[in-house]
Amino acid sequence: MKEHEFVKGMTMGVVAGAALSAVMMPRKKSSMKKTAGKAMKTVGQVMENLSDEMGF
């Protein structure tokens, strides 16, 4: 009887650990590159607008 409870507990722990690791897994790096590219474009546009406003 206790052996079955142990196996049941171990199985629940493994499933919980797998679910937690799937949630915490880092996203694809391509999205990071895409986000960085968009940020660089935005910074470039802001700097261009700022320099136009200042008359450079």
N, C-alpha and C. Protein backbone atom coordinates (compact mmCIF):
# COMPACT_ATOMS: atom_id res chain seq x y z
N MET A 1 0.82 -1.18 0.00
CA MET A 1 0.00 0.00 0.00
C MET A 1 0.87 1.25 0.00
N LYS A 2 1.91 1.30 0.83
CA LYS A 2 2.77 2.46 0.90
C LYS A 2 3.58 2.61 -0.38
N GLU A 3 3.91 1.50 -1.03
CA GLU A 3 4.67 1.58 -2.27
C GLU A 3 3.87 2.31 -3.34
N HIS A 4 2.58 2.06 -3.41
CA HIS A 4 1.74 2.72 -4.40
C HIS A 4 1.62 4.22 -4.11
N GLU A 5 1.56 4.58 -2.86
CA GLU A 5 1.49 5.99 -2.48
C GLU A 5 2.79 6.71 -2.86
N PHE A 6 3.92 6.01 -2.69
CA PHE A 6 5.20 6.60 -3.06
C PHE A 6 5.28 6.83 -4.56
N VAL A 7 4.88 5.85 -5.33
CA VAL A 7 4.90 5.97 -6.79
C VAL A 7 3.95 7.07 -7.23
N LYS A 8 2.80 7.15 -6.62
CA LYS A 8 1.83 8.20 -6.94
C LYS A 8 2.42 9.58 -6.64
N GLY A 9 3.06 9.73 -5.51
CA GLY A 9 3.69 10.99 -5.15
C GLY A 9 4.83 11.37 -6.08
N MET A 10 5.65 10.39 -6.43
CA MET A 10 6.75 10.64 -7.36
C MET A 10 6.22 11.06 -8.73
N THR A 11 5.19 10.41 -9.19
CA THR A 11 4.60 10.76 -10.49
C THR A 11 4.05 12.18 -10.47
N MET A 12 3.37 12.52 -9.40
CA MET A 12 2.82 13.88 -9.29
C MET A 12 3.95 14.91 -9.25
N GLY A 13 5.03 14.60 -8.58
CA GLY A 13 6.17 15.51 -8.51
C GLY A 13 6.84 15.70 -9.86
N VAL A 14 6.98 14.61 -10.60
CA VAL A 14 7.59 14.69 -11.93
C VAL A 14 6.72 15.52 -12.87
N VAL A 15 5.41 15.30 -12.82
CA VAL A 15 4.50 16.05 -13.68
C VAL A 15 4.52 17.54 -13.30
N ALA A 16 4.52 17.83 -12.01
CA ALA A 16 4.56 19.23 -11.57
C ALA A 16 5.88 19.89 -11.98
N GLY A 17 6.97 19.18 -11.86
CA GLY A 17 8.27 19.71 -12.26
C GLY A 17 8.35 19.95 -13.76
N ALA A 18 7.80 19.05 -14.54
CA ALA A 18 7.79 19.22 -16.00
C ALA A 18 6.95 20.42 -16.39
N ALA A 19 5.80 20.59 -15.75
CA ALA A 19 4.93 21.73 -16.06
C ALA A 19 5.62 23.04 -15.69
N LEU A 20 6.27 23.07 -14.55
CA LEU A 20 6.96 24.28 -14.10
C LEU A 20 8.12 24.62 -15.03
N SER A 21 8.87 23.61 -15.45
CA SER A 21 10.00 23.88 -16.35
C SER A 21 9.51 24.34 -17.72
N ALA A 22 8.36 23.83 -18.17
CA ALA A 22 7.81 24.27 -19.46
C ALA A 22 7.38 25.73 -19.38
N VAL A 23 6.84 26.14 -18.26
CA VAL A 23 6.40 27.53 -18.10
C VAL A 23 7.60 28.46 -18.01
N MET A 24 8.66 28.05 -17.35
CA MET A 24 9.82 28.91 -17.13
C MET A 24 10.86 28.84 -18.23
N MET A 25 10.62 28.01 -19.26
CA MET A 25 11.57 27.85 -20.35
C MET A 25 11.71 29.18 -21.11
N PRO A 26 12.93 29.59 -21.42
CA PRO A 26 13.09 30.86 -22.14
C PRO A 26 12.47 30.79 -23.52
N ARG A 27 12.02 31.92 -24.00
CA ARG A 27 11.41 32.01 -25.32
C ARG A 27 12.48 31.89 -26.39
N LYS A 28 12.02 31.78 -27.63
CA LYS A 28 12.96 31.68 -28.74
C LYS A 28 13.78 32.96 -28.83
N LYS A 29 15.02 32.83 -29.24
CA LYS A 29 15.90 33.99 -29.33
C LYS A 29 15.54 34.87 -30.51
N SER A 30 14.83 34.33 -31.49
CA SER A 30 14.46 35.14 -32.65
C SER A 30 13.54 36.28 -32.22
N SER A 31 12.68 36.05 -31.25
CA SER A 31 11.82 37.13 -30.78
C SER A 31 12.65 38.20 -30.08
N MET A 32 13.72 37.80 -29.42
CA MET A 32 14.60 38.76 -28.76
C MET A 32 15.29 39.62 -29.82
N LYS A 33 15.73 39.00 -30.91
CA LYS A 33 16.36 39.75 -31.98
C LYS A 33 15.37 40.73 -32.61
N LYS A 34 14.15 40.27 -32.79
CA LYS A 34 13.12 41.11 -33.38
C LYS A 34 12.83 42.31 -32.49
N THR A 35 12.74 42.06 -31.19
CA THR A 35 12.48 43.14 -30.24
C THR A 35 13.64 44.13 -30.21
N ALA A 36 14.85 43.63 -30.23
CA ALA A 36 16.02 44.51 -30.22
C ALA A 36 16.08 45.34 -31.50
N GLY A 37 15.74 44.73 -32.62
CA GLY A 37 15.73 45.46 -33.89
C GLY A 37 14.70 46.58 -33.88
N LYS A 38 13.53 46.30 -33.36
CA LYS A 38 12.49 47.33 -33.27
C LYS A 38 12.92 48.46 -32.35
N ALA A 39 13.56 48.11 -31.24
CA ALA A 39 14.03 49.13 -30.31
C ALA A 39 15.09 50.02 -30.96
N MET A 40 15.98 49.43 -31.71
CA MET A 40 17.03 50.22 -32.38
C MET A 40 16.43 51.16 -33.42
N LYS A 41 15.43 50.69 -34.17
CA LYS A 41 14.76 51.55 -35.14
C LYS A 41 14.08 52.72 -34.44
N THR A 42 13.43 52.44 -33.34
CA THR A 42 12.73 53.49 -32.60
C THR A 42 13.71 54.51 -32.06
N VAL A 43 14.82 54.06 -31.51
CA VAL A 43 15.83 54.98 -30.99
C VAL A 43 16.39 55.83 -32.12
N GLY A 44 16.61 55.23 -33.27
CA GLY A 44 17.11 55.99 -34.42
C GLY A 44 16.13 57.06 -34.86
N GLN A 45 14.86 56.71 -34.87
CA GLN A 45 13.84 57.69 -35.26
C GLN A 45 13.74 58.82 -34.25
N VAL A 46 13.82 58.49 -32.98
CA VAL A 46 13.77 59.52 -31.94
C VAL A 46 14.97 60.45 -32.05
N MET A 47 16.14 59.90 -32.26
CA MET A 47 17.34 60.74 -32.40
C MET A 47 17.25 61.63 -33.63
N GLU A 48 16.71 61.09 -34.72
CA GLU A 48 16.55 61.88 -35.94
C GLU A 48 15.57 63.02 -35.72
N ASN A 49 14.45 62.72 -35.08
CA ASN A 49 13.46 63.76 -34.79
C ASN A 49 14.03 64.82 -33.85
N LEU A 50 14.78 64.40 -32.87
CA LEU A 50 15.39 65.31 -31.91
C LEU A 50 16.39 66.24 -32.60
N SER A 51 17.23 65.66 -33.46
CA SER A 51 18.22 66.48 -34.16
C SER A 51 17.53 67.44 -35.13
N ASP A 52 16.43 67.03 -35.75
CA ASP A 52 15.69 67.95 -36.62
C ASP A 52 15.10 69.10 -35.83
N GLU A 53 14.57 68.81 -34.66
CA GLU A 53 13.98 69.85 -33.82
C GLU A 53 15.03 70.83 -33.31
N MET A 54 16.25 70.34 -33.07
CA MET A 54 17.30 71.20 -32.55
C MET A 54 18.01 71.95 -33.67
N GLY A 55 17.76 71.55 -34.92
CA GLY A 55 18.33 72.27 -36.06
C GLY A 55 19.70 71.80 -36.46
N PHE A 56 20.06 70.56 -36.16
CA PHE A 56 21.37 70.04 -36.56
C PHE A 56 21.34 69.48 -37.94
